[in-house]
C-alpha atoms as a PDB file:
ATOM      1  CA  MET A   1      -1.912 -96.586  30.385  1.00  0.00           C
ATOM      2  CA  ALA A   2      -3.346 -99.243  32.704  1.00  0.00           C
ATOM      3  CA  LEU A   3      -4.922 -96.589  34.897  1.00  0.00           C
ATOM      4  CA  LEU A   4      -6.431 -94.963  31.812  1.00  0.00           C
ATOM      5  CA  ALA A   5      -7.893 -98.311  30.739  1.00  0.00           C
ATOM      6  CA  VAL A   6      -9.558 -98.805  34.120  1.00  0.00           C
ATOM      7  CA  VAL A   7     -10.986 -95.287  34.121  1.00  0.00           C
ATOM      8  CA  ILE A   8     -12.242 -95.470  30.530  1.00  0.00           C
ATOM      9  CA  HIS A   9     -13.834 -98.912  30.882  1.00  0.00           C
ATOM     10  CA  ASP A  10     -14.961 -98.421  34.502  1.00  0.00           C
ATOM     11  CA  SER A  11     -13.895-101.953  35.368  1.00  0.00           C
ATOM     12  CA  TRP A  12     -10.878-103.788  36.750  1.00  0.00           C
ATOM     13  CA  ILE A  13     -11.215-106.237  33.862  1.00  0.00           C
ATOM     14  CA  ALA A  14      -9.600-103.571  31.673  1.00  0.00           C
ATOM     15  CA  LEU A  15      -6.280-104.302  33.415  1.00  0.00           C
ATOM     16  CA  ASN A  16      -5.722-107.093  30.932  1.00  0.00           C
ATOM     17  CA  PRO A  17      -1.975-106.825  30.180  1.00  0.00           C
ATOM     18  CA  VAL A  18      -2.460-107.732  26.535  1.00  0.00           C
ATOM     19  CA  ARG A  19      -4.923-104.866  26.019  1.00  0.00           C
ATOM     20  CA  VAL A  20      -2.692-102.345  27.798  1.00  0.00           C
ATOM     21  CA  ILE A  21       0.513-103.404  26.030  1.00  0.00           C
ATOM     22  CA  LEU A  22      -1.201-103.352  22.625  1.00  0.00           C
ATOM     23  CA  ALA A  23      -2.448 -99.835  23.335  1.00  0.00           C
ATOM     24  CA  ILE A  24       1.088 -98.758  24.252  1.00  0.00           C
ATOM     25  CA  PHE A  25       2.511-100.180  21.029  1.00  0.00           C
ATOM     26  CA  LYS A  26      -0.207 -98.542  18.938  1.00  0.00           C
ATOM     27  CA  VAL A  27       0.911 -95.108  20.163  1.00  0.00           C
ATOM     28  CA  PHE A  28       4.520 -96.011  20.912  1.00  0.00           C
ATOM     29  CA  GLY A  29       6.116 -92.732  19.764  1.00  0.00           C
ATOM     30  CA  TYR A  30       3.760 -90.606  21.828  1.00  0.00           C
ATOM     31  CA  TYR A  31       4.189 -92.941  24.787  1.00  0.00           C
ATOM     32  CA  VAL A  32       7.985 -92.659  24.673  1.00  0.00           C
ATOM     33  CA  ILE A  33       7.753 -88.858  24.571  1.00  0.00           C
ATOM     34  CA  ALA A  34       5.354 -88.949  27.538  1.00  0.00           C
ATOM     35  CA  CYS A  35       7.754 -91.186  29.474  1.00  0.00           C
ATOM     36  CA  ILE A  36      10.653 -88.785  28.784  1.00  0.00           C
ATOM     37  CA  ILE A  37       8.592 -85.816  29.984  1.00  0.00           C
ATOM     38  CA  LEU A  38       7.557 -87.707  33.111  1.00  0.00           C
ATOM     39  CA  VAL A  39      11.159 -88.656  33.872  1.00  0.00           C
ATOM     40  CA  LEU A  40      12.100 -84.981  33.624  1.00  0.00           C
ATOM     41  CA  VAL A  41       9.222 -83.992  35.917  1.00  0.00           C
ATOM     42  CA  ILE A  42      10.086 -86.723  38.434  1.00  0.00           C
ATOM     43  CA  GLY A  43      13.764 -85.739  38.286  1.00  0.00           C
ATOM     44  CA  SER A  44      12.961 -82.130  39.050  1.00  0.00           C
ATOM     45  CA  PHE A  45      10.632 -83.246  41.859  1.00  0.00           C
ATOM     46  CA  TYR A  46      13.422 -85.374  43.314  1.00  0.00           C
ATOM     47  CA  TYR A  47      15.861 -82.464  43.054  1.00  0.00           C
ATOM     48  CA  LEU A  48      13.453 -80.046  44.715  1.00  0.00           C
ATOM     49  CA  THR A  49      12.850 -82.411  47.631  1.00  0.00           C
ATOM     50  CA  LYS A  50      16.610 -82.806  48.142  1.00  0.00           C
ATOM     51  CA  VAL A  51      17.164 -79.035  48.219  1.00  0.00           C
ATOM     52  CA  ASN A  52      15.327 -79.056  51.561  1.00  0.00           C
ATOM     53  CA  LEU A  53      13.336 -75.879  51.164  1.00  0.00           C
ATOM     54  CA  GLN A  54      11.810 -74.705  54.409  1.00  0.00           C
ATOM     55  CA  VAL A  55       8.259 -74.677  53.036  1.00  0.00           C
ATOM     56  CA  PRO A  56       5.698 -76.790  54.907  1.00  0.00           C
ATOM     57  CA  PHE A  57       3.800 -79.370  52.877  1.00  0.00           C
ATOM     58  CA  LEU A  58       5.998 -78.816  49.805  1.00  0.00           C
ATOM     59  CA  ASN A  59       6.420 -82.555  49.216  1.00  0.00           C
ATOM     60  CA  ALA A  60       2.676 -83.143  49.349  1.00  0.00           C
ATOM     61  CA  VAL A  61       1.923 -80.304  46.938  1.00  0.00           C
ATOM     62  CA  LEU A  62       4.630 -81.405  44.507  1.00  0.00           C
ATOM     63  CA  SER A  63       3.434 -85.019  44.667  1.00  0.00           C
ATOM     64  CA  ILE A  64      -0.119 -84.025  43.808  1.00  0.00           C
ATOM     65  CA  TYR A  65       1.149 -81.814  41.003  1.00  0.00           C
ATOM     66  CA  LEU A  66       3.261 -84.684  39.624  1.00  0.00           C
ATOM     67  CA  LEU A  67       0.209 -86.945  39.535  1.00  0.00           C
ATOM     68  CA  MET A  68      -1.821 -84.268  37.763  1.00  0.00           C
ATOM     69  CA  VAL A  69       0.895 -83.772  35.151  1.00  0.00           C
ATOM     70  CA  ALA A  70       1.124 -87.518  34.523  1.00  0.00           C
ATOM     71  CA  MET A  71      -2.641 -87.918  34.133  1.00  0.00           C
ATOM     72  CA  ARG A  72      -2.831 -84.863  31.865  1.00  0.00           C
ATOM     73  CA  ILE A  73      -0.126 -86.214  29.563  1.00  0.00           C
ATOM     74  CA  ILE A  74      -1.780 -89.626  29.314  1.00  0.00           C
ATOM     75  CA  GLY A  75      -5.174 -87.997  28.766  1.00  0.00           C
ATOM     76  CA  ILE A  76      -3.800 -85.909  25.907  1.00  0.00           C
ATOM     77  CA  ILE A  77      -2.353 -89.013  24.281  1.00  0.00           C
ATOM     78  CA  TYR A  78      -5.706 -90.783  24.530  1.00  0.00           C
ATOM     79  CA  HIS A  79      -7.596 -87.750  23.224  1.00  0.00           C
ATOM     80  CA  LYS A  80      -5.304 -87.390  20.196  1.00  0.00           C
ATOM     81  CA  LYS A  81      -5.073 -91.120  19.380  1.00  0.00           C
ATOM     82  CA  GLU A  82      -8.455 -92.453  20.518  1.00  0.00           C
ATOM     83  CA  GLN A  83      -9.290 -93.989  17.137  1.00  0.00           C
ATOM     84  CA  GLN A  84      -5.854 -95.580  16.818  1.00  0.00           C
ATOM     85  CA  ILE A  85      -6.034 -97.150  20.294  1.00  0.00           C
ATOM     86  CA  GLY A  86      -9.465 -98.515  19.473  1.00  0.00           C
ATOM     87  CA  TRP A  87     -10.897 -99.152  22.920  1.00  0.00           C
ATOM     88  CA  PHE A  88     -14.308 -97.855  21.866  1.00  0.00           C
END
């Protein structure tokens, strides 16, 4: 949520912990669901890296994919609850 605040406001000033924590509590249910999904994605990433598949650059590709999934989930939350968060 802090990264989203910086991107939306285009300033490091948006990293104000009070603003970020209030935004999390305003959409707490959605945020908890997003955290559960991300834990599942990270867990599967961890499992796949421990399997030791003989595919070059697999860790790099999976890491980039994990970041894209995380940003997509947070973006969907912001898109659905933009008025409730109230940043703009």
